[in-house]
Amino acid sequence: MTTRLRVLDDGAWISVNDSREVRVSELWRLDAPDLCECALTDLVVENFQSVGVDGSTVKARVYGQCIACGATGTTGWVPIGRVRGGEFAELDRSAVRRVRR
């Protein structure tokens, strides 16, 4: 089964199978030591740079700002959800997401 992933509206949305699923302006808690020096980064997502899939996990590279220290930058690959049986399920927004380079 093929899953279509796209970044829409100049990085404002991630589309999964032609449905807008994930948007900017969300606050994500990340384990992202390359982005800032905070133990955990509280990142305001400002722009999606790219989207991809690794097995059933949908991942994205995002640009944003840590609200604790003010650092800005682009992350490595951050898991945002899973595709199972052709359906997309976003990760719990309160979960800590581990960034992969």
C-alpha atoms as a PDB file:
ATOM      1  CA  MET A   1       0.000   0.000   0.000  1.00  0.00           C
ATOM      2  CA  THR A   2       1.371   3.429  -0.964  1.00  0.00           C
ATOM      3  CA  THR A   3       1.155   6.400   1.389  1.00  0.00           C
ATOM      4  CA  ARG A   4       1.450   9.889  -0.131  1.00  0.00           C
ATOM      5  CA  LEU A   5       3.364  12.357   2.056  1.00  0.00           C
ATOM      6  CA  ARG A   6       3.751  16.026   1.163  1.00  0.00           C
ATOM      7  CA  VAL A   7       4.621  19.356   2.728  1.00  0.00           C
ATOM      8  CA  LEU A   8       1.915  21.897   1.806  1.00  0.00           C
ATOM      9  CA  ASP A   9       1.407  25.667   1.898  1.00  0.00           C
ATOM     10  CA  ASP A  10       5.067  26.698   2.077  1.00  0.00           C
ATOM     11  CA  GLY A  11       5.766  24.368   5.001  1.00  0.00           C
ATOM     12  CA  ALA A  12       2.614  25.037   7.033  1.00  0.00           C
ATOM     13  CA  TRP A  13       1.106  21.525   6.829  1.00  0.00           C
ATOM     14  CA  ILE A  14       2.025  17.894   6.351  1.00  0.00           C
ATOM     15  CA  SER A  15      -0.405  16.029   4.148  1.00  0.00           C
ATOM     16  CA  VAL A  16      -0.854  12.264   4.442  1.00  0.00           C
ATOM     17  CA  ASN A  17      -2.819  10.709   1.573  1.00  0.00           C
ATOM     18  CA  ASP A  18      -4.100  14.144   0.527  1.00  0.00           C
ATOM     19  CA  SER A  19      -5.408  14.993   3.996  1.00  0.00           C
ATOM     20  CA  ARG A  20      -3.884  17.799   6.087  1.00  0.00           C
ATOM     21  CA  GLU A  21      -2.808  16.043   9.262  1.00  0.00           C
ATOM     22  CA  VAL A  22      -0.066  17.994  11.083  1.00  0.00           C
ATOM     23  CA  ARG A  23       0.285  21.789  11.229  1.00  0.00           C
ATOM     24  CA  VAL A  24       2.796  24.360  12.391  1.00  0.00           C
ATOM     25  CA  SER A  25       2.333  26.421  15.568  1.00  0.00           C
ATOM     26  CA  GLU A  26       2.275  23.307  17.734  1.00  0.00           C
ATOM     27  CA  LEU A  27       4.514  22.966  20.777  1.00  0.00           C
ATOM     28  CA  TRP A  28       6.605  19.789  20.680  1.00  0.00           C
ATOM     29  CA  ARG A  29       8.831  18.470  23.471  1.00  0.00           C
ATOM     30  CA  LEU A  30      12.032  17.138  21.915  1.00  0.00           C
ATOM     31  CA  ASP A  31      15.159  15.342  22.996  1.00  0.00           C
ATOM     32  CA  ALA A  32      17.282  17.459  20.622  1.00  0.00           C
ATOM     33  CA  PRO A  33      20.757  18.198  22.037  1.00  0.00           C
ATOM     34  CA  ASP A  34      21.973  19.460  18.636  1.00  0.00           C
ATOM     35  CA  LEU A  35      19.305  22.182  18.569  1.00  0.00           C
ATOM     36  CA  CYS A  36      19.833  23.813  21.974  1.00  0.00           C
ATOM     37  CA  GLU A  37      21.403  23.221  25.379  1.00  0.00           C
ATOM     38  CA  CYS A  38      18.121  22.600  27.227  1.00  0.00           C
ATOM     39  CA  ALA A  39      17.697  19.143  28.769  1.00  0.00           C
ATOM     40  CA  LEU A  40      14.455  18.873  26.770  1.00  0.00           C
ATOM     41  CA  THR A  41      13.587  21.332  24.010  1.00  0.00           C
ATOM     42  CA  ASP A  42      10.134  22.917  24.021  1.00  0.00           C
ATOM     43  CA  LEU A  43       9.969  23.678  20.302  1.00  0.00           C
ATOM     44  CA  VAL A  44       7.377  25.870  18.645  1.00  0.00           C
ATOM     45  CA  VAL A  45       7.137  24.365  15.156  1.00  0.00           C
ATOM     46  CA  GLU A  46       7.366  27.200  12.619  1.00  0.00           C
ATOM     47  CA  ASN A  47       7.928  25.374   9.319  1.00  0.00           C
ATOM     48  CA  PHE A  48       8.113  21.843   7.936  1.00  0.00           C
ATOM     49  CA  GLN A  49      11.234  21.437   5.811  1.00  0.00           C
ATOM     50  CA  SER A  50      10.693  17.877   4.568  1.00  0.00           C
ATOM     51  CA  VAL A  51       8.707  14.747   5.329  1.00  0.00           C
ATOM     52  CA  GLY A  52       9.532  11.068   4.941  1.00  0.00           C
ATOM     53  CA  VAL A  53       8.774   7.593   6.178  1.00  0.00           C
ATOM     54  CA  ASP A  54      10.856   4.919   7.904  1.00  0.00           C
ATOM     55  CA  GLY A  55       8.885   1.680   7.993  1.00  0.00           C
ATOM     56  CA  SER A  56       5.513   2.716   9.406  1.00  0.00           C
ATOM     57  CA  THR A  57       6.862   5.852  11.141  1.00  0.00           C
ATOM     58  CA  VAL A  58       6.236   9.223   9.485  1.00  0.00           C
ATOM     59  CA  LYS A  59       9.047  11.686  10.229  1.00  0.00           C
ATOM     60  CA  ALA A  60       9.731  15.323   9.453  1.00  0.00           C
ATOM     61  CA  ARG A  61      12.528  17.857   9.586  1.00  0.00           C
ATOM     62  CA  VAL A  62      11.180  21.044  11.136  1.00  0.00           C
ATOM     63  CA  TYR A  63      12.348  24.585  11.725  1.00  0.00           C
ATOM     64  CA  GLY A  64      11.380  26.127  15.032  1.00  0.00           C
ATOM     65  CA  GLN A  65      12.315  27.940  18.210  1.00  0.00           C
ATOM     66  CA  CYS A  66      12.880  26.678  21.756  1.00  0.00           C
ATOM     67  CA  ILE A  67      10.611  28.711  24.021  1.00  0.00           C
ATOM     68  CA  ALA A  68      12.911  28.205  27.032  1.00  0.00           C
ATOM     69  CA  CYS A  69      16.228  29.492  25.636  1.00  0.00           C
ATOM     70  CA  GLY A  70      15.257  31.127  22.328  1.00  0.00           C
ATOM     71  CA  ALA A  71      17.505  28.982  20.136  1.00  0.00           C
ATOM     72  CA  THR A  72      16.261  28.492  16.567  1.00  0.00           C
ATOM     73  CA  GLY A  73      17.147  25.952  13.926  1.00  0.00           C
ATOM     74  CA  THR A  74      16.202  22.946  11.874  1.00  0.00           C
ATOM     75  CA  THR A  75      15.913  19.575  13.563  1.00  0.00           C
ATOM     76  CA  GLY A  76      16.994  16.184  12.369  1.00  0.00           C
ATOM     77  CA  TRP A  77      14.239  13.647  11.670  1.00  0.00           C
ATOM     78  CA  VAL A  78      11.456  13.864  14.261  1.00  0.00           C
ATOM     79  CA  PRO A  79       8.745  11.164  14.442  1.00  0.00           C
ATOM     80  CA  ILE A  80       5.284  12.681  13.994  1.00  0.00           C
ATOM     81  CA  GLY A  81       3.046   9.644  13.575  1.00  0.00           C
ATOM     82  CA  ARG A  82       2.509   6.168  12.177  1.00  0.00           C
ATOM     83  CA  VAL A  83       0.707   4.691   9.206  1.00  0.00           C
ATOM     84  CA  ARG A  84      -1.080   1.420   9.903  1.00  0.00           C
ATOM     85  CA  GLY A  85      -3.498  -0.190   7.502  1.00  0.00           C
ATOM     86  CA  GLY A  86      -3.448   2.916   5.356  1.00  0.00           C
ATOM     87  CA  GLU A  87      -4.552   5.173   8.243  1.00  0.00           C
ATOM     88  CA  PHE A  88      -2.409   7.915   9.803  1.00  0.00           C
ATOM     89  CA  ALA A  89      -2.229   8.250  13.596  1.00  0.00           C
ATOM     90  CA  GLU A  90      -0.403  11.301  14.982  1.00  0.00           C
ATOM     91  CA  LEU A  91       1.850  10.766  18.001  1.00  0.00           C
ATOM     92  CA  ASP A  92       0.564  11.956  21.347  1.00  0.00           C
ATOM     93  CA  ARG A  93       1.408  15.657  21.521  1.00  0.00           C
ATOM     94  CA  SER A  94       2.572  15.342  25.131  1.00  0.00           C
ATOM     95  CA  ALA A  95       5.165  12.669  24.247  1.00  0.00           C
ATOM     96  CA  VAL A  96       8.885  13.451  24.184  1.00  0.00           C
ATOM     97  CA  ARG A  97      10.108  12.974  20.620  1.00  0.00           C
ATOM     98  CA  ARG A  98      13.680  11.837  20.022  1.00  0.00           C
ATOM     99  CA  VAL A  99      15.423  13.569  17.114  1.00  0.00           C
ATOM    100  CA  ARG A 100      17.511  11.442  14.737  1.00  0.00           C
ATOM    101  CA  ARG A 101      20.136  12.858  12.378  1.00  0.00           C
END
